[in-house]
PDB file of N, CA and C in Angstrom:
ATOM      1  N   MET A   1       0.837  -1.178   0.000  1.00  0.00           N
ATOM      2  CA  MET A   1       0.000   0.000   0.000  1.00  0.00           C
ATOM      3  C   MET A   1       0.881   1.240   0.000  1.00  0.00           C
ATOM      4  N   PRO A   2       0.607   2.181  -0.887  1.00  0.00           N
ATOM      5  CA  PRO A   2       1.438   3.384  -0.937  1.00  0.00           C
ATOM      6  C   PRO A   2       1.276   4.229   0.316  1.00  0.00           C
ATOM      7  N   ASP A   3       2.354   4.931   0.632  1.00  0.00           N
ATOM      8  CA  ASP A   3       2.314   5.818   1.788  1.00  0.00           C
ATOM      9  C   ASP A   3       1.485   7.059   1.512  1.00  0.00           C
ATOM     10  N   ARG A   4       1.390   7.408   0.245  1.00  0.00           N
ATOM     11  CA  ARG A   4       0.701   8.634  -0.107  1.00  0.00           C
ATOM     12  C   ARG A   4      -0.153   8.392  -1.349  1.00  0.00           C
ATOM     13  N   THR A   5      -1.306   8.994  -1.394  1.00  0.00           N
ATOM     14  CA  THR A   5      -2.147   8.937  -2.584  1.00  0.00           C
ATOM     15  C   THR A   5      -2.382  10.353  -3.078  1.00  0.00           C
ATOM     16  N   ILE A   6      -2.762  10.465  -4.319  1.00  0.00           N
ATOM     17  CA  ILE A   6      -3.071  11.767  -4.879  1.00  0.00           C
ATOM     18  C   ILE A   6      -4.512  11.770  -5.347  1.00  0.00           C
ATOM     19  N   THR A   7      -5.053  12.941  -5.457  1.00  0.00           N
ATOM     20  CA  THR A   7      -6.409  13.107  -5.948  1.00  0.00           C
ATOM     21  C   THR A   7      -6.342  13.960  -7.207  1.00  0.00           C
ATOM     22  N   ILE A   8      -7.038  13.516  -8.231  1.00  0.00           N
ATOM     23  CA  ILE A   8      -7.098  14.289  -9.465  1.00  0.00           C
ATOM     24  C   ILE A   8      -8.540  14.691  -9.711  1.00  0.00           C
ATOM     25  N   ASP A   9      -8.696  15.810 -10.404  1.00  0.00           N
ATOM     26  CA  ASP A   9     -10.054  16.249 -10.699  1.00  0.00           C
ATOM     27  C   ASP A   9     -10.558  15.614 -11.992  1.00  0.00           C
ATOM     28  N   ARG A  10     -11.789  15.916 -12.336  1.00  0.00           N
ATOM     29  CA  ARG A  10     -12.434  15.301 -13.491  1.00  0.00           C
ATOM     30  C   ARG A  10     -11.690  15.591 -14.794  1.00  0.00           C
ATOM     31  N   ASP A  11     -11.256  16.842 -14.991  1.00  0.00           N
ATOM     32  CA  ASP A  11     -10.538  17.199 -16.222  1.00  0.00           C
ATOM     33  C   ASP A  11      -9.209  16.453 -16.326  1.00  0.00           C
ATOM     34  N   GLN A  12      -8.509  16.308 -15.212  1.00  0.00           N
ATOM     35  CA  GLN A  12      -7.248  15.565 -15.213  1.00  0.00           C
ATOM     36  C   GLN A  12      -7.498  14.091 -15.534  1.00  0.00           C
ATOM     37  N   ARG A  13      -8.535  13.517 -14.940  1.00  0.00           N
ATOM     38  CA  ARG A  13      -8.875  12.122 -15.208  1.00  0.00           C
ATOM     39  C   ARG A  13      -9.236  11.928 -16.672  1.00  0.00           C
ATOM     40  N   ASP A  14     -10.051  12.830 -17.222  1.00  0.00           N
ATOM     41  CA  ASP A  14     -10.436  12.731 -18.626  1.00  0.00           C
ATOM     42  C   ASP A  14      -9.216  12.831 -19.538  1.00  0.00           C
ATOM     43  N   GLY A  15      -8.276  13.694 -19.178  1.00  0.00           N
ATOM     44  CA  GLY A  15      -7.052  13.817 -19.951  1.00  0.00           C
ATOM     45  C   GLY A  15      -6.227  12.545 -19.921  1.00  0.00           C
ATOM     46  N   LEU A  16      -6.137  11.929 -18.750  1.00  0.00           N
ATOM     47  CA  LEU A  16      -5.404  10.666 -18.629  1.00  0.00           C
ATOM     48  C   LEU A  16      -6.080   9.557 -19.430  1.00  0.00           C
ATOM     49  N   TYR A  17      -7.404   9.493 -19.367  1.00  0.00           N
ATOM     50  CA  TYR A  17      -8.134   8.483 -20.136  1.00  0.00           C
ATOM     51  C   TYR A  17      -7.889   8.657 -21.631  1.00  0.00           C
ATOM     52  N   GLU A  18      -7.922   9.911 -22.103  1.00  0.00           N
ATOM     53  CA  GLU A  18      -7.691  10.165 -23.523  1.00  0.00           C
ATOM     54  C   GLU A  18      -6.283   9.745 -23.925  1.00  0.00           C
ATOM     55  N   LEU A  19      -5.312  10.047 -23.086  1.00  0.00           N
ATOM     56  CA  LEU A  19      -3.929   9.657 -23.358  1.00  0.00           C
ATOM     57  C   LEU A  19      -3.792   8.140 -23.470  1.00  0.00           C
ATOM     58  N   VAL A  20      -4.419   7.421 -22.547  1.00  0.00           N
ATOM     59  CA  VAL A  20      -4.356   5.953 -22.561  1.00  0.00           C
ATOM     60  C   VAL A  20      -5.065   5.396 -23.789  1.00  0.00           C
ATOM     61  N   ARG A  21      -6.241   5.927 -24.111  1.00  0.00           N
ATOM     62  CA  ARG A  21      -6.973   5.455 -25.297  1.00  0.00           C
ATOM     63  C   ARG A  21      -6.164   5.665 -26.577  1.00  0.00           C
ATOM     64  N   ASN A  22      -5.556   6.836 -26.705  1.00  0.00           N
ATOM     65  CA  ASN A  22      -4.744   7.111 -27.892  1.00  0.00           C
ATOM     66  C   ASN A  22      -3.545   6.181 -27.962  1.00  0.00           C
ATOM     67  N   HIS A  23      -2.928   5.937 -26.821  1.00  0.00           N
ATOM     68  CA  HIS A  23      -1.755   5.071 -26.773  1.00  0.00           C
ATOM     69  C   HIS A  23      -2.133   3.641 -27.163  1.00  0.00           C
ATOM     70  N   LEU A  24      -3.199   3.120 -26.587  1.00  0.00           N
ATOM     71  CA  LEU A  24      -3.615   1.754 -26.894  1.00  0.00           C
ATOM     72  C   LEU A  24      -4.122   1.627 -28.324  1.00  0.00           C
ATOM     73  N   GLY A  25      -4.715   2.683 -28.846  1.00  0.00           N
ATOM     74  CA  GLY A  25      -5.180   2.658 -30.225  1.00  0.00           C
ATOM     75  C   GLY A  25      -4.029   2.534 -31.216  1.00  0.00           C
ATOM     76  N   GLY A  26      -2.846   2.987 -30.831  1.00  0.00           N
ATOM     77  CA  GLY A  26      -1.681   2.899 -31.691  1.00  0.00           C
ATOM     78  C   GLY A  26      -1.157   1.488 -31.860  1.00  0.00           C
ATOM     79  N   ILE A  27      -1.567   0.583 -30.993  1.00  0.00           N
ATOM     80  CA  ILE A  27      -1.118  -0.805 -31.101  1.00  0.00           C
ATOM     81  C   ILE A  27      -1.594  -1.415 -32.416  1.00  0.00           C
ATOM     82  N   GLU A  28      -2.780  -1.026 -32.846  1.00  0.00           N
ATOM     83  CA  GLU A  28      -3.304  -1.555 -34.109  1.00  0.00           C
ATOM     84  C   GLU A  28      -2.404  -1.167 -35.279  1.00  0.00           C
ATOM     85  N   ASP A  29      -1.863   0.062 -35.263  1.00  0.00           N
ATOM     86  CA  ASP A  29      -0.956   0.487 -36.328  1.00  0.00           C
ATOM     87  C   ASP A  29       0.259  -0.426 -36.404  1.00  0.00           C
ATOM     88  N   PHE A  30       0.753  -0.858 -35.245  1.00  0.00           N
ATOM     89  CA  PHE A  30       1.888  -1.778 -35.202  1.00  0.00           C
ATOM     90  C   PHE A  30       1.541  -3.077 -35.925  1.00  0.00           C
ATOM     91  N   TRP A  31       0.387  -3.652 -35.585  1.00  0.00           N
ATOM     92  CA  TRP A  31      -0.005  -4.927 -36.188  1.00  0.00           C
ATOM     93  C   TRP A  31      -0.274  -4.801 -37.680  1.00  0.00           C
ATOM     94  N   ILE A  32      -0.841  -3.681 -38.108  1.00  0.00           N
ATOM     95  CA  ILE A  32      -1.075  -3.472 -39.542  1.00  0.00           C
ATOM     96  C   ILE A  32       0.257  -3.443 -40.280  1.00  0.00           C
ATOM     97  N   ALA A  33       1.211  -2.679 -39.736  1.00  0.00           N
ATOM     98  CA  ALA A  33       2.528  -2.597 -40.378  1.00  0.00           C
ATOM     99  C   ALA A  33       3.214  -3.954 -40.395  1.00  0.00           C
ATOM    100  N   LEU A  34       3.050  -4.719 -39.342  1.00  0.00           N
ATOM    101  CA  LEU A  34       3.742  -6.004 -39.236  1.00  0.00           C
ATOM    102  C   LEU A  34       3.069  -7.093 -40.067  1.00  0.00           C
ATOM    103  N   GLU A  35       1.772  -7.268 -39.890  1.00  0.00           N
ATOM    104  CA  GLU A  35       1.068  -8.404 -40.488  1.00  0.00           C
ATOM    105  C   GLU A  35       0.566  -8.138 -41.913  1.00  0.00           C
ATOM    106  N   ARG A  36      -0.086  -7.020 -42.122  1.00  0.00           N
ATOM    107  CA  ARG A  36      -0.731  -6.793 -43.422  1.00  0.00           C
ATOM    108  C   ARG A  36       0.236  -6.274 -44.476  1.00  0.00           C
ATOM    109  N   THR A  37       0.989  -5.248 -44.121  1.00  0.00           N
ATOM    110  CA  THR A  37       1.827  -4.603 -45.133  1.00  0.00           C
ATOM    111  C   THR A  37       3.253  -5.124 -45.139  1.00  0.00           C
ATOM    112  N   LYS A  38       3.598  -5.898 -44.135  1.00  0.00           N
ATOM    113  CA  LYS A  38       4.968  -6.434 -43.997  1.00  0.00           C
ATOM    114  C   LYS A  38       6.013  -5.313 -43.983  1.00  0.00           C
ATOM    115  N   ASP A  39       5.606  -4.157 -43.465  1.00  0.00           N
ATOM    116  CA  ASP A  39       6.506  -3.009 -43.358  1.00  0.00           C
ATOM    117  C   ASP A  39       7.242  -3.126 -42.022  1.00  0.00           C
ATOM    118  N   PHE A  40       8.288  -3.920 -42.023  1.00  0.00           N
ATOM    119  CA  PHE A  40       8.981  -4.256 -40.785  1.00  0.00           C
ATOM    120  C   PHE A  40       9.698  -3.064 -40.165  1.00  0.00           C
ATOM    121  N   ALA A  41      10.175  -2.147 -40.994  1.00  0.00           N
ATOM    122  CA  ALA A  41      10.850  -0.960 -40.450  1.00  0.00           C
ATOM    123  C   ALA A  41       9.858  -0.105 -39.656  1.00  0.00           C
ATOM    124  N   THR A  42       8.665   0.097 -40.201  1.00  0.00           N
ATOM    125  CA  THR A  42       7.641   0.865 -39.491  1.00  0.00           C
ATOM    126  C   THR A  42       7.182   0.120 -38.252  1.00  0.00           C
ATOM    127  N   ALA A  43       7.005  -1.181 -38.348  1.00  0.00           N
ATOM    128  CA  ALA A  43       6.590  -1.982 -37.194  1.00  0.00           C
ATOM    129  C   ALA A  43       7.621  -1.882 -36.078  1.00  0.00           C
ATOM    130  N   GLU A  44       8.888  -1.931 -36.428  1.00  0.00           N
ATOM    131  CA  GLU A  44       9.926  -1.822 -35.406  1.00  0.00           C
ATOM    132  C   GLU A  44       9.899  -0.446 -34.757  1.00  0.00           C
ATOM    133  N   ARG A  45       9.753   0.604 -35.576  1.00  0.00           N
ATOM    134  CA  ARG A  45       9.706   1.969 -35.027  1.00  0.00           C
ATOM    135  C   ARG A  45       8.501   2.131 -34.088  1.00  0.00           C
ATOM    136  N   LEU A  46       7.343   1.658 -34.514  1.00  0.00           N
ATOM    137  CA  LEU A  46       6.146   1.755 -33.672  1.00  0.00           C
ATOM    138  C   LEU A  46       6.297   0.931 -32.398  1.00  0.00           C
ATOM    139  N   GLY A  47       6.912  -0.240 -32.513  1.00  0.00           N
ATOM    140  CA  GLY A  47       7.141  -1.069 -31.332  1.00  0.00           C
ATOM    141  C   GLY A  47       8.051  -0.384 -30.339  1.00  0.00           C
ATOM    142  N   GLN A  48       9.087   0.266 -30.836  1.00  0.00           N
ATOM    143  CA  GLN A  48      10.006   0.980 -29.937  1.00  0.00           C
ATOM    144  C   GLN A  48       9.319   2.177 -29.299  1.00  0.00           C
ATOM    145  N   GLU A  49       8.511   2.902 -30.085  1.00  0.00           N
ATOM    146  CA  GLU A  49       7.774   4.033 -29.523  1.00  0.00           C
ATOM    147  C   GLU A  49       6.815   3.562 -28.432  1.00  0.00           C
ATOM    148  N   PHE A  50       6.134   2.457 -28.683  1.00  0.00           N
ATOM    149  CA  PHE A  50       5.205   1.926 -27.693  1.00  0.00           C
ATOM    150  C   PHE A  50       5.949   1.538 -26.414  1.00  0.00           C
ATOM    151  N   ALA A  51       7.086   0.887 -26.563  1.00  0.00           N
ATOM    152  CA  ALA A  51       7.866   0.470 -25.403  1.00  0.00           C
ATOM    153  C   ALA A  51       8.351   1.675 -24.609  1.00  0.00           C
ATOM    154  N   GLU A  52       8.787   2.718 -25.297  1.00  0.00           N
ATOM    155  CA  GLU A  52       9.282   3.907 -24.616  1.00  0.00           C
ATOM    156  C   GLU A  52       8.176   4.613 -23.855  1.00  0.00           C
ATOM    157  N   THR A  53       7.007   4.742 -24.452  1.00  0.00           N
ATOM    158  CA  THR A  53       5.923   5.451 -23.789  1.00  0.00           C
ATOM    159  C   THR A  53       5.204   4.584 -22.770  1.00  0.00           C
ATOM    160  N   SER A  54       5.488   3.285 -22.772  1.00  0.00           N
ATOM    161  CA  SER A  54       4.887   2.389 -21.783  1.00  0.00           C
ATOM    162  C   SER A  54       5.702   2.340 -20.503  1.00  0.00           C
ATOM    163  N   GLY A  55       6.869   2.940 -20.516  1.00  0.00           N
ATOM    164  CA  GLY A  55       7.727   2.887 -19.347  1.00  0.00           C
ATOM    165  C   GLY A  55       8.661   1.702 -19.346  1.00  0.00           C
ATOM    166  N   CYS A  56       8.736   0.964 -20.438  1.00  0.00           N
ATOM    167  CA  CYS A  56       9.665  -0.160 -20.526  1.00  0.00           C
ATOM    168  C   CYS A  56      11.056   0.394 -20.753  1.00  0.00           C
ATOM    169  N   SER A  57      12.019  -0.148 -20.069  1.00  0.00           N
ATOM    170  CA  SER A  57      13.373   0.358 -20.225  1.00  0.00           C
ATOM    171  C   SER A  57      14.096  -0.357 -21.346  1.00  0.00           C
ATOM    172  N   GLY A  58      15.059   0.315 -21.919  1.00  0.00           N
ATOM    173  CA  GLY A  58      15.860  -0.278 -22.982  1.00  0.00           C
ATOM    174  C   GLY A  58      15.152  -0.211 -24.310  1.00  0.00           C
ATOM    175  N   THR A  59      15.827  -0.662 -25.326  1.00  0.00           N
ATOM    176  CA  THR A  59      15.238  -0.686 -26.657  1.00  0.00           C
ATOM    177  C   THR A  59      15.153  -2.130 -27.119  1.00  0.00           C
ATOM    178  N   SER A  60      14.203  -2.391 -27.972  1.00  0.00           N
ATOM    179  CA  SER A  60      14.042  -3.755 -28.465  1.00  0.00           C
ATOM    180  C   SER A  60      14.990  -4.003 -29.625  1.00  0.00           C
ATOM    181  N   ALA A  61      15.343  -5.244 -29.813  1.00  0.00           N
ATOM    182  CA  ALA A  61      16.221  -5.612 -30.919  1.00  0.00           C
ATOM    183  C   ALA A  61      15.433  -5.765 -32.205  1.00  0.00           C
ATOM    184  N   GLY A  62      14.129  -5.764 -32.115  1.00  0.00           N
ATOM    185  CA  GLY A  62      13.280  -5.889 -33.298  1.00  0.00           C
ATOM    186  C   GLY A  62      11.830  -5.879 -32.882  1.00  0.00           C
ATOM    187  N   ALA A  63      10.943  -5.751 -33.854  1.00  0.00           N
ATOM    188  CA  ALA A  63       9.525  -5.643 -33.548  1.00  0.00           C
ATOM    189  C   ALA A  63       9.001  -6.872 -32.811  1.00  0.00           C
ATOM    190  N   SER A  64       9.410  -8.057 -33.230  1.00  0.00           N
ATOM    191  CA  SER A  64       8.902  -9.250 -32.581  1.00  0.00           C
ATOM    192  C   SER A  64       9.418  -9.369 -31.154  1.00  0.00           C
ATOM    193  N   THR A  65      10.595  -8.856 -30.891  1.00  0.00           N
ATOM    194  CA  THR A  65      11.168  -8.908 -29.550  1.00  0.00           C
ATOM    195  C   THR A  65      10.371  -8.061 -28.577  1.00  0.00           C
ATOM    196  N   MET A  66       9.823  -6.945 -29.077  1.00  0.00           N
ATOM    197  CA  MET A  66       9.121  -6.026 -28.190  1.00  0.00           C
ATOM    198  C   MET A  66       7.969  -6.715 -27.469  1.00  0.00           C
ATOM    199  N   PHE A  67       7.179  -7.489 -28.185  1.00  0.00           N
ATOM    200  CA  PHE A  67       6.055  -8.143 -27.542  1.00  0.00           C
ATOM    201  C   PHE A  67       6.445  -9.428 -26.826  1.00  0.00           C
ATOM    202  N   ALA A  68       7.616  -9.929 -27.102  1.00  0.00           N
ATOM    203  CA  ALA A  68       8.063 -11.128 -26.420  1.00  0.00           C
ATOM    204  C   ALA A  68       8.537 -10.830 -25.005  1.00  0.00           C
ATOM    205  N   ARG A  69       8.850  -9.576 -24.732  1.00  0.00           N
ATOM    206  CA  ARG A  69       9.316  -9.197 -23.399  1.00  0.00           C
ATOM    207  C   ARG A  69       8.123  -9.160 -22.454  1.00  0.00           C
ATOM    208  N   ALA A  70       8.111  -9.985 -21.472  1.00  0.00           N
ATOM    209  CA  ALA A  70       6.960 -10.137 -20.587  1.00  0.00           C
ATOM    210  C   ALA A  70       6.627  -8.871 -19.818  1.00  0.00           C
ATOM    211  N   GLY A  71       7.600  -8.105 -19.457  1.00  0.00           N
ATOM    212  CA  GLY A  71       7.359  -6.910 -18.657  1.00  0.00           C
ATOM    213  C   GLY A  71       6.768  -5.760 -19.410  1.00  0.00           C
ATOM    214  N   CYS A  72       6.687  -5.843 -20.703  1.00  0.00           N
ATOM    215  CA  CYS A  72       6.203  -4.720 -21.476  1.00  0.00           C
ATOM    216  C   CYS A  72       4.843  -5.034 -22.017  1.00  0.00           C
TER     217      CYS A  72
END
């Protein structure tokens, strides 16, 4: 249990929800680049961007590696 909690107002919560929705919506772009168009360079770039904004440390060695990492 954390020692301290914070309280956010409705506008802050709505902003966080929008940020999360936009971030998760970008996952589809990764799969389109990887599976449909076979654009591996774009898939790798999107995978690295997703990992960076998810708080995962380090960089992936490739698009397939990004999702293989359990912590991310």
